[in-house]
């Protein structure tokens, strides 16, 4: 079994990573918007702290925009997994 925290809280992430029980993080724009700081800085910090997968979600809704945003998110680190909406445009973007 793998344990993924569903949060963007740097404090919580550090706490559970230090305990050695977190395999990865999954987050989304809503969770990131609740934290203090610029979203890009928060995402960079999460990727630095977590050695396992970090799921970052796009906010775009059109195929080309989803692809562009997904590529930008992937640049945050090798361990980033891009989440896309399960819509026709999202599925086209994945393809």
PDB file of N, CA and C in Angstrom:
ATOM      1  N   UNK A   1       0.834  -1.165   0.000  1.00  0.00           N
ATOM      2  CA  UNK A   1       0.000   0.000   0.000  1.00  0.00           C
ATOM      3  C   UNK A   1       0.891   1.244   0.000  1.00  0.00           C
ATOM      4  N   UNK A   2       0.439   2.267  -0.717  1.00  0.00           N
ATOM      5  CA  UNK A   2       1.146   3.540  -0.741  1.00  0.00           C
ATOM      6  C   UNK A   2       0.247   4.601  -0.126  1.00  0.00           C
ATOM      7  N   UNK A   3       0.853   5.529   0.587  1.00  0.00           N
ATOM      8  CA  UNK A   3       0.109   6.610   1.225  1.00  0.00           C
ATOM      9  C   UNK A   3       0.447   7.920   0.541  1.00  0.00           C
ATOM     10  N   UNK A   4      -0.607   8.573   0.021  1.00  0.00           N
ATOM     11  CA  UNK A   4      -0.485   9.877  -0.612  1.00  0.00           C
ATOM     12  C   UNK A   4      -1.277  10.885   0.213  1.00  0.00           C
ATOM     13  N   UNK A   5      -0.647  11.986   0.592  1.00  0.00           N
ATOM     14  CA  UNK A   5      -1.379  13.059   1.253  1.00  0.00           C
ATOM     15  C   UNK A   5      -2.081  13.888   0.196  1.00  0.00           C
ATOM     16  N   UNK A   6      -3.292  14.310   0.477  1.00  0.00           N
ATOM     17  CA  UNK A   6      -4.061  15.171  -0.413  1.00  0.00           C
ATOM     18  C   UNK A   6      -4.065  16.563   0.206  1.00  0.00           C
ATOM     19  N   UNK A   7      -3.018  17.347  -0.085  1.00  0.00           N
ATOM     20  CA  UNK A   7      -2.830  18.641   0.552  1.00  0.00           C
ATOM     21  C   UNK A   7      -1.833  19.484  -0.234  1.00  0.00           C
ATOM     22  N   UNK A   8      -1.786  20.766   0.113  1.00  0.00           N
ATOM     23  CA  UNK A   8      -0.738  21.651  -0.392  1.00  0.00           C
ATOM     24  C   UNK A   8      -0.050  22.348   0.778  1.00  0.00           C
ATOM     25  N   UNK A   9      -0.368  21.913   1.985  1.00  0.00           N
ATOM     26  CA  UNK A   9       0.203  22.502   3.186  1.00  0.00           C
ATOM     27  C   UNK A   9       1.642  22.042   3.376  1.00  0.00           C
ATOM     28  N   UNK A  10       2.558  22.968   3.220  1.00  0.00           N
ATOM     29  CA  UNK A  10       3.985  22.645   3.369  1.00  0.00           C
ATOM     30  C   UNK A  10       4.248  22.094   4.771  1.00  0.00           C
ATOM     31  N   UNK A  11       3.626  22.708   5.773  1.00  0.00           N
ATOM     32  CA  UNK A  11       3.810  22.265   7.162  1.00  0.00           C
ATOM     33  C   UNK A  11       3.380  20.800   7.335  1.00  0.00           C
ATOM     34  N   UNK A  12       2.211  20.451   6.827  1.00  0.00           N
ATOM     35  CA  UNK A  12       1.727  19.070   6.930  1.00  0.00           C
ATOM     36  C   UNK A  12       2.608  18.113   6.142  1.00  0.00           C
ATOM     37  N   UNK A  13       2.996  18.528   4.952  1.00  0.00           N
ATOM     38  CA  UNK A  13       3.836  17.666   4.116  1.00  0.00           C
ATOM     39  C   UNK A  13       5.148  17.371   4.827  1.00  0.00           C
ATOM     40  N   UNK A  14       5.798  18.404   5.356  1.00  0.00           N
ATOM     41  CA  UNK A  14       7.071  18.197   6.066  1.00  0.00           C
ATOM     42  C   UNK A  14       6.885  17.264   7.259  1.00  0.00           C
ATOM     43  N   UNK A  15       5.812  17.479   8.005  1.00  0.00           N
ATOM     44  CA  UNK A  15       5.540  16.669   9.199  1.00  0.00           C
ATOM     45  C   UNK A  15       5.446  15.184   8.847  1.00  0.00           C
ATOM     46  N   UNK A  16       4.651  14.857   7.832  1.00  0.00           N
ATOM     47  CA  UNK A  16       4.439  13.454   7.502  1.00  0.00           C
ATOM     48  C   UNK A  16       5.597  12.842   6.723  1.00  0.00           C
ATOM     49  N   UNK A  17       6.285  13.637   5.923  1.00  0.00           N
ATOM     50  CA  UNK A  17       7.491  13.140   5.247  1.00  0.00           C
ATOM     51  C   UNK A  17       8.555  12.802   6.285  1.00  0.00           C
ATOM     52  N   UNK A  18       8.705  13.683   7.300  1.00  0.00           N
ATOM     53  CA  UNK A  18       9.681  13.424   8.364  1.00  0.00           C
ATOM     54  C   UNK A  18       9.363  12.148   9.141  1.00  0.00           C
ATOM     55  N   UNK A  19       8.079  11.804   9.240  1.00  0.00           N
ATOM     56  CA  UNK A  19       7.681  10.554   9.906  1.00  0.00           C
ATOM     57  C   UNK A  19       8.017   9.334   9.045  1.00  0.00           C
ATOM     58  N   UNK A  20       8.239   9.569   7.754  1.00  0.00           N
ATOM     59  CA  UNK A  20       8.571   8.472   6.857  1.00  0.00           C
ATOM     60  C   UNK A  20       7.375   7.676   6.369  1.00  0.00           C
ATOM     61  N   UNK A  21       6.178   8.269   6.446  1.00  0.00           N
ATOM     62  CA  UNK A  21       4.993   7.496   6.061  1.00  0.00           C
ATOM     63  C   UNK A  21       4.348   7.960   4.756  1.00  0.00           C
ATOM     64  N   UNK A  22       4.920   8.980   4.117  1.00  0.00           N
ATOM     65  CA  UNK A  22       4.312   9.528   2.898  1.00  0.00           C
ATOM     66  C   UNK A  22       5.062   9.025   1.675  1.00  0.00           C
ATOM     67  N   UNK A  23       4.312   8.415   0.760  1.00  0.00           N
ATOM     68  CA  UNK A  23       4.904   7.963  -0.494  1.00  0.00           C
ATOM     69  C   UNK A  23       4.809   9.022  -1.575  1.00  0.00           C
ATOM     70  N   UNK A  24       3.822   9.911  -1.464  1.00  0.00           N
ATOM     71  CA  UNK A  24       3.637  10.946  -2.477  1.00  0.00           C
ATOM     72  C   UNK A  24       2.577  11.940  -2.043  1.00  0.00           C
ATOM     73  N   UNK A  25       2.364  12.921  -2.895  1.00  0.00           N
ATOM     74  CA  UNK A  25       1.396  13.992  -2.638  1.00  0.00           C
ATOM     75  C   UNK A  25       0.476  14.101  -3.841  1.00  0.00           C
ATOM     76  N   UNK A  26      -0.784  14.353  -3.564  1.00  0.00           N
ATOM     77  CA  UNK A  26      -1.696  14.745  -4.619  1.00  0.00           C
ATOM     78  C   UNK A  26      -2.323  16.053  -4.170  1.00  0.00           C
ATOM     79  N   UNK A  27      -2.372  16.998  -5.072  1.00  0.00           N
ATOM     80  CA  UNK A  27      -2.911  18.305  -4.737  1.00  0.00           C
ATOM     81  C   UNK A  27      -3.681  18.841  -5.927  1.00  0.00           C
ATOM     82  N   UNK A  28      -4.282  19.997  -5.741  1.00  0.00           N
ATOM     83  CA  UNK A  28      -5.035  20.608  -6.829  1.00  0.00           C
ATOM     84  C   UNK A  28      -5.038  22.118  -6.639  1.00  0.00           C
ATOM     85  N   UNK A  29      -5.472  22.862  -7.639  1.00  0.00           N
ATOM     86  CA  UNK A  29      -5.447  24.322  -7.543  1.00  0.00           C
ATOM     87  C   UNK A  29      -6.227  24.887  -6.355  1.00  0.00           C
ATOM     88  N   UNK A  30      -7.326  24.248  -5.973  1.00  0.00           N
ATOM     89  CA  UNK A  30      -8.098  24.732  -4.830  1.00  0.00           C
ATOM     90  C   UNK A  30      -7.288  24.611  -3.544  1.00  0.00           C
ATOM     91  N   UNK A  31      -6.645  23.473  -3.339  1.00  0.00           N
ATOM     92  CA  UNK A  31      -5.819  23.291  -2.144  1.00  0.00           C
ATOM     93  C   UNK A  31      -4.648  24.259  -2.131  1.00  0.00           C
ATOM     94  N   UNK A  32      -4.025  24.471  -3.275  1.00  0.00           N
ATOM     95  CA  UNK A  32      -2.891  25.400  -3.362  1.00  0.00           C
ATOM     96  C   UNK A  32      -3.344  26.819  -3.066  1.00  0.00           C
ATOM     97  N   UNK A  33      -4.541  27.207  -3.530  1.00  0.00           N
ATOM     98  CA  UNK A  33      -5.031  28.577  -3.313  1.00  0.00           C
ATOM     99  C   UNK A  33      -5.310  28.872  -1.843  1.00  0.00           C
ATOM    100  N   UNK A  34      -5.484  27.864  -1.034  1.00  0.00           N
ATOM    101  CA  UNK A  34      -5.743  28.047   0.402  1.00  0.00           C
ATOM    102  C   UNK A  34      -4.468  28.337   1.195  1.00  0.00           C
ATOM    103  N   UNK A  35      -3.324  28.116   0.570  1.00  0.00           N
ATOM    104  CA  UNK A  35      -2.046  28.313   1.255  1.00  0.00           C
ATOM    105  C   UNK A  35      -1.505  29.713   1.000  1.00  0.00           C
ATOM    106  N   UNK A  36      -0.694  30.187   1.923  1.00  0.00           N
ATOM    107  CA  UNK A  36      -0.055  31.491   1.752  1.00  0.00           C
ATOM    108  C   UNK A  36       1.141  31.339   0.827  1.00  0.00           C
ATOM    109  N   UNK A  37       1.270  32.262  -0.107  1.00  0.00           N
ATOM    110  CA  UNK A  37       2.391  32.227  -1.031  1.00  0.00           C
ATOM    111  C   UNK A  37       1.937  32.079  -2.466  1.00  0.00           C
ATOM    112  N   UNK A  38       2.866  32.275  -3.357  1.00  0.00           N
ATOM    113  CA  UNK A  38       2.593  32.158  -4.791  1.00  0.00           C
ATOM    114  C   UNK A  38       2.474  30.679  -5.148  1.00  0.00           C
ATOM    115  N   UNK A  39       1.479  30.322  -5.946  1.00  0.00           N
ATOM    116  CA  UNK A  39       1.289  28.903  -6.304  1.00  0.00           C
ATOM    117  C   UNK A  39       2.547  28.228  -6.856  1.00  0.00           C
ATOM    118  N   UNK A  40       3.295  28.935  -7.699  1.00  0.00           N
ATOM    119  CA  UNK A  40       4.514  28.322  -8.261  1.00  0.00           C
ATOM    120  C   UNK A  40       5.522  28.009  -7.170  1.00  0.00           C
ATOM    121  N   UNK A  41       5.657  28.915  -6.195  1.00  0.00           N
ATOM    122  CA  UNK A  41       6.593  28.686  -5.092  1.00  0.00           C
ATOM    123  C   UNK A  41       6.152  27.498  -4.243  1.00  0.00           C
ATOM    124  N   UNK A  42       4.855  27.385  -4.016  1.00  0.00           N
ATOM    125  CA  UNK A  42       4.318  26.271  -3.230  1.00  0.00           C
ATOM    126  C   UNK A  42       4.584  24.953  -3.951  1.00  0.00           C
ATOM    127  N   UNK A  43       4.318  24.916  -5.247  1.00  0.00           N
ATOM    128  CA  UNK A  43       4.546  23.681  -6.007  1.00  0.00           C
ATOM    129  C   UNK A  43       6.019  23.307  -6.024  1.00  0.00           C
ATOM    130  N   UNK A  44       6.900  24.300  -6.208  1.00  0.00           N
ATOM    131  CA  UNK A  44       8.348  24.025  -6.187  1.00  0.00           C
ATOM    132  C   UNK A  44       8.770  23.429  -4.848  1.00  0.00           C
ATOM    133  N   UNK A  45       8.258  24.001  -3.768  1.00  0.00           N
ATOM    134  CA  UNK A  45       8.612  23.533  -2.429  1.00  0.00           C
ATOM    135  C   UNK A  45       8.119  22.100  -2.195  1.00  0.00           C
ATOM    136  N   UNK A  46       6.912  21.806  -2.608  1.00  0.00           N
ATOM    137  CA  UNK A  46       6.375  20.450  -2.453  1.00  0.00           C
ATOM    138  C   UNK A  46       7.254  19.447  -3.196  1.00  0.00           C
ATOM    139  N   UNK A  47       7.610  19.776  -4.426  1.00  0.00           N
ATOM    140  CA  UNK A  47       8.429  18.866  -5.235  1.00  0.00           C
ATOM    141  C   UNK A  47       9.805  18.661  -4.599  1.00  0.00           C
ATOM    142  N   UNK A  48      10.348  19.694  -3.956  1.00  0.00           N
ATOM    143  CA  UNK A  48      11.647  19.561  -3.276  1.00  0.00           C
ATOM    144  C   UNK A  48      11.552  18.662  -2.055  1.00  0.00           C
ATOM    145  N   UNK A  49      10.468  18.765  -1.323  1.00  0.00           N
ATOM    146  CA  UNK A  49      10.319  18.025  -0.072  1.00  0.00           C
ATOM    147  C   UNK A  49      10.035  16.544  -0.321  1.00  0.00           C
ATOM    148  N   UNK A  50       9.193  16.252  -1.297  1.00  0.00           N
ATOM    149  CA  UNK A  50       8.700  14.895  -1.520  1.00  0.00           C
ATOM    150  C   UNK A  50       9.556  14.186  -2.562  1.00  0.00           C
ATOM    151  N   UNK A  51      10.063  13.040  -2.197  1.00  0.00           N
ATOM    152  CA  UNK A  51      10.893  12.271  -3.133  1.00  0.00           C
ATOM    153  C   UNK A  51      10.049  11.418  -4.072  1.00  0.00           C
ATOM    154  N   UNK A  52       8.855  11.072  -3.662  1.00  0.00           N
ATOM    155  CA  UNK A  52       7.967  10.258  -4.484  1.00  0.00           C
ATOM    156  C   UNK A  52       7.138  11.116  -5.417  1.00  0.00           C
ATOM    157  N   UNK A  53       6.111  10.536  -6.007  1.00  0.00           N
ATOM    158  CA  UNK A  53       5.266  11.247  -6.966  1.00  0.00           C
ATOM    159  C   UNK A  53       4.545  12.451  -6.344  1.00  0.00           C
ATOM    160  N   UNK A  54       4.494  13.522  -7.126  1.00  0.00           N
ATOM    161  CA  UNK A  54       3.735  14.715  -6.748  1.00  0.00           C
ATOM    162  C   UNK A  54       2.749  14.978  -7.882  1.00  0.00           C
ATOM    163  N   UNK A  55       1.464  14.811  -7.576  1.00  0.00           N
ATOM    164  CA  UNK A  55       0.417  15.015  -8.569  1.00  0.00           C
ATOM    165  C   UNK A  55      -0.016  16.475  -8.564  1.00  0.00           C
ATOM    166  N   UNK A  56       0.169  17.158  -9.689  1.00  0.00           N
ATOM    167  CA  UNK A  56      -0.248  18.548  -9.855  1.00  0.00           C
ATOM    168  C   UNK A  56      -1.324  18.597 -10.935  1.00  0.00           C
ATOM    169  N   UNK A  57      -2.364  19.369 -10.711  1.00  0.00           N
ATOM    170  CA  UNK A  57      -3.519  19.378 -11.601  1.00  0.00           C
ATOM    171  C   UNK A  57      -3.603  20.654 -12.430  1.00  0.00           C
ATOM    172  N   UNK A  58      -3.937  20.501 -13.690  1.00  0.00           N
ATOM    173  CA  UNK A  58      -4.131  21.657 -14.574  1.00  0.00           C
ATOM    174  C   UNK A  58      -5.476  22.311 -14.270  1.00  0.00           C
ATOM    175  N   UNK A  59      -5.576  23.602 -14.615  1.00  0.00           N
ATOM    176  CA  UNK A  59      -6.861  24.304 -14.511  1.00  0.00           C
ATOM    177  C   UNK A  59      -7.454  24.565 -15.889  1.00  0.00           C
ATOM    178  N   UNK A  60      -6.646  24.410 -16.912  1.00  0.00           N
ATOM    179  CA  UNK A  60      -7.113  24.629 -18.289  1.00  0.00           C
ATOM    180  C   UNK A  60      -8.218  23.641 -18.634  1.00  0.00           C
ATOM    181  N   UNK A  61      -9.055  24.035 -19.603  1.00  0.00           N
ATOM    182  CA  UNK A  61     -10.171  23.174 -19.999  1.00  0.00           C
ATOM    183  C   UNK A  61     -10.171  22.812 -21.479  1.00  0.00           C
ATOM    184  N   UNK A  62      -9.364  23.468 -22.265  1.00  0.00           N
ATOM    185  CA  UNK A  62      -9.278  23.192 -23.706  1.00  0.00           C
ATOM    186  C   UNK A  62      -8.016  22.395 -23.998  1.00  0.00           C
ATOM    187  N   UNK A  63      -8.104  21.499 -24.951  1.00  0.00           N
ATOM    188  CA  UNK A  63      -7.025  20.546 -25.238  1.00  0.00           C
ATOM    189  C   UNK A  63      -5.648  21.196 -25.323  1.00  0.00           C
ATOM    190  N   UNK A  64      -5.484  22.185 -26.177  1.00  0.00           N
ATOM    191  CA  UNK A  64      -4.161  22.785 -26.370  1.00  0.00           C
ATOM    192  C   UNK A  64      -3.660  23.458 -25.106  1.00  0.00           C
ATOM    193  N   UNK A  65      -4.572  24.102 -24.376  1.00  0.00           N
ATOM    194  CA  UNK A  65      -4.190  24.769 -23.128  1.00  0.00           C
ATOM    195  C   UNK A  65      -3.807  23.748 -22.060  1.00  0.00           C
ATOM    196  N   UNK A  66      -4.519  22.627 -22.021  1.00  0.00           N
ATOM    197  CA  UNK A  66      -4.195  21.559 -21.074  1.00  0.00           C
ATOM    198  C   UNK A  66      -2.790  21.041 -21.348  1.00  0.00           C
ATOM    199  N   UNK A  67      -2.470  20.805 -22.608  1.00  0.00           N
ATOM    200  CA  UNK A  67      -1.139  20.310 -22.973  1.00  0.00           C
ATOM    201  C   UNK A  67      -0.071  21.314 -22.560  1.00  0.00           C
ATOM    202  N   UNK A  68      -0.278  22.585 -22.887  1.00  0.00           N
ATOM    203  CA  UNK A  68       0.706  23.618 -22.541  1.00  0.00           C
ATOM    204  C   UNK A  68       0.904  23.715 -21.037  1.00  0.00           C
ATOM    205  N   UNK A  69      -0.201  23.754 -20.298  1.00  0.00           N
ATOM    206  CA  UNK A  69      -0.099  23.851 -18.838  1.00  0.00           C
ATOM    207  C   UNK A  69       0.535  22.597 -18.255  1.00  0.00           C
ATOM    208  N   UNK A  70       0.163  21.447 -18.777  1.00  0.00           N
ATOM    209  CA  UNK A  70       0.753  20.201 -18.306  1.00  0.00           C
ATOM    210  C   UNK A  70       2.258  20.167 -18.481  1.00  0.00           C
ATOM    211  N   UNK A  71       2.733  20.660 -19.616  1.00  0.00           N
ATOM    212  CA  UNK A  71       4.188  20.716 -19.850  1.00  0.00           C
ATOM    213  C   UNK A  71       4.871  21.673 -18.882  1.00  0.00           C
ATOM    214  N   UNK A  72       4.205  22.790 -18.571  1.00  0.00           N
ATOM    215  CA  UNK A  72       4.764  23.738 -17.585  1.00  0.00           C
ATOM    216  C   UNK A  72       4.817  23.091 -16.195  1.00  0.00           C
ATOM    217  N   UNK A  73       3.762  22.386 -15.834  1.00  0.00           N
ATOM    218  CA  UNK A  73       3.754  21.721 -14.528  1.00  0.00           C
ATOM    219  C   UNK A  73       4.834  20.647 -14.449  1.00  0.00           C
ATOM    220  N   UNK A  74       5.015  19.912 -15.512  1.00  0.00           N
ATOM    221  CA  UNK A  74       6.031  18.852 -15.534  1.00  0.00           C
ATOM    222  C   UNK A  74       7.430  19.407 -15.286  1.00  0.00           C
ATOM    223  N   UNK A  75       7.648  20.661 -15.658  1.00  0.00           N
ATOM    224  CA  UNK A  75       8.959  21.300 -15.458  1.00  0.00           C
ATOM    225  C   UNK A  75       9.300  21.533 -13.988  1.00  0.00           C
ATOM    226  N   UNK A  76       8.346  21.369 -13.092  1.00  0.00           N
ATOM    227  CA  UNK A  76       8.638  21.553 -11.675  1.00  0.00           C
ATOM    228  C   UNK A  76       9.514  20.436 -11.126  1.00  0.00           C
ATOM    229  N   UNK A  77       9.531  19.284 -11.774  1.00  0.00           N
ATOM    230  CA  UNK A  77      10.403  18.215 -11.297  1.00  0.00           C
ATOM    231  C   UNK A  77      10.135  16.890 -11.968  1.00  0.00           C
ATOM    232  N   UNK A  78      11.120  16.030 -11.889  1.00  0.00           N
ATOM    233  CA  UNK A  78      11.037  14.697 -12.490  1.00  0.00           C
ATOM    234  C   UNK A  78       9.931  13.851 -11.856  1.00  0.00           C
ATOM    235  N   UNK A  79       9.596  14.146 -10.600  1.00  0.00           N
ATOM    236  CA  UNK A  79       8.604  13.337  -9.897  1.00  0.00           C
ATOM    237  C   UNK A  79       7.178  13.864 -10.050  1.00  0.00           C
ATOM    238  N   UNK A  80       6.971  14.863 -10.910  1.00  0.00           N
ATOM    239  CA  UNK A  80       5.637  15.431 -11.109  1.00  0.00           C
ATOM    240  C   UNK A  80       4.811  14.547 -12.039  1.00  0.00           C
ATOM    241  N   UNK A  81       3.592  14.299 -11.609  1.00  0.00           N
ATOM    242  CA  UNK A  81       2.593  13.626 -12.438  1.00  0.00           C
ATOM    243  C   UNK A  81       1.492  14.648 -12.670  1.00  0.00           C
ATOM    244  N   UNK A  82       1.136  14.869 -13.917  1.00  0.00           N
ATOM    245  CA  UNK A  82       0.149  15.883 -14.266  1.00  0.00           C
ATOM    246  C   UNK A  82      -1.244  15.263 -14.284  1.00  0.00           C
ATOM    247  N   UNK A  83      -2.156  15.882 -13.535  1.00  0.00           N
ATOM    248  CA  UNK A  83      -3.556  15.444 -13.520  1.00  0.00           C
ATOM    249  C   UNK A  83      -4.347  16.324 -14.480  1.00  0.00           C
ATOM    250  N   UNK A  84      -5.184  15.697 -15.280  1.00  0.00           N
ATOM    251  CA  UNK A  84      -6.024  16.435 -16.236  1.00  0.00           C
ATOM    252  C   UNK A  84      -7.485  16.053 -16.013  1.00  0.00           C
ATOM    253  N   UNK A  85      -8.402  16.933 -16.400  1.00  0.00           N
ATOM    254  CA  UNK A  85      -9.820  16.601 -16.233  1.00  0.00           C
ATOM    255  C   UNK A  85     -10.230  15.464 -17.163  1.00  0.00           C
ATOM    256  N   UNK A  86     -11.129  14.634 -16.689  1.00  0.00           N
ATOM    257  CA  UNK A  86     -11.634  13.519 -17.493  1.00  0.00           C
ATOM    258  C   UNK A  86     -12.796  13.999 -18.364  1.00  0.00           C
ATOM    259  N   UNK A  87     -12.445  14.888 -19.279  1.00  0.00           N
ATOM    260  CA  UNK A  87     -13.400  15.424 -20.249  1.00  0.00           C
ATOM    261  C   UNK A  87     -12.900  15.041 -21.624  1.00  0.00           C
ATOM    262  N   UNK A  88     -13.685  15.321 -22.644  1.00  0.00           N
ATOM    263  CA  UNK A  88     -13.221  15.037 -24.012  1.00  0.00           C
ATOM    264  C   UNK A  88     -11.915  15.768 -24.296  1.00  0.00           C
ATOM    265  N   UNK A  89     -11.831  17.050 -23.921  1.00  0.00           N
ATOM    266  CA  UNK A  89     -10.608  17.812 -24.147  1.00  0.00           C
ATOM    267  C   UNK A  89      -9.455  17.268 -23.316  1.00  0.00           C
ATOM    268  N   UNK A  90      -9.729  16.860 -22.077  1.00  0.00           N
ATOM    269  CA  UNK A  90      -8.688  16.287 -21.236  1.00  0.00           C
ATOM    270  C   UNK A  90      -8.149  14.986 -21.805  1.00  0.00           C
ATOM    271  N   UNK A  91      -9.041  14.143 -22.287  1.00  0.00           N
ATOM    272  CA  UNK A  91      -8.608  12.876 -22.877  1.00  0.00           C
ATOM    273  C   UNK A  91      -7.830  13.097 -24.167  1.00  0.00           C
ATOM    274  N   UNK A  92      -8.233  14.088 -24.961  1.00  0.00           N
ATOM    275  CA  UNK A  92      -7.471  14.422 -26.180  1.00  0.00           C
ATOM    276  C   UNK A  92      -6.075  14.895 -25.794  1.00  0.00           C
ATOM    277  N   UNK A  93      -5.984  15.706 -24.740  1.00  0.00           N
ATOM    278  CA  UNK A  93      -4.682  16.216 -24.290  1.00  0.00           C
ATOM    279  C   UNK A  93      -3.758  15.089 -23.852  1.00  0.00           C
ATOM    280  N   UNK A  94      -4.303  14.092 -23.178  1.00  0.00           N
ATOM    281  CA  UNK A  94      -3.511  12.964 -22.722  1.00  0.00           C
ATOM    282  C   UNK A  94      -2.960  12.182 -23.914  1.00  0.00           C
ATOM    283  N   UNK A  95      -3.788  12.041 -24.928  1.00  0.00           N
ATOM    284  CA  UNK A  95      -3.364  11.299 -26.105  1.00  0.00           C
ATOM    285  C   UNK A  95      -2.231  12.038 -26.788  1.00  0.00           C
TER     286      UNK A  95
END
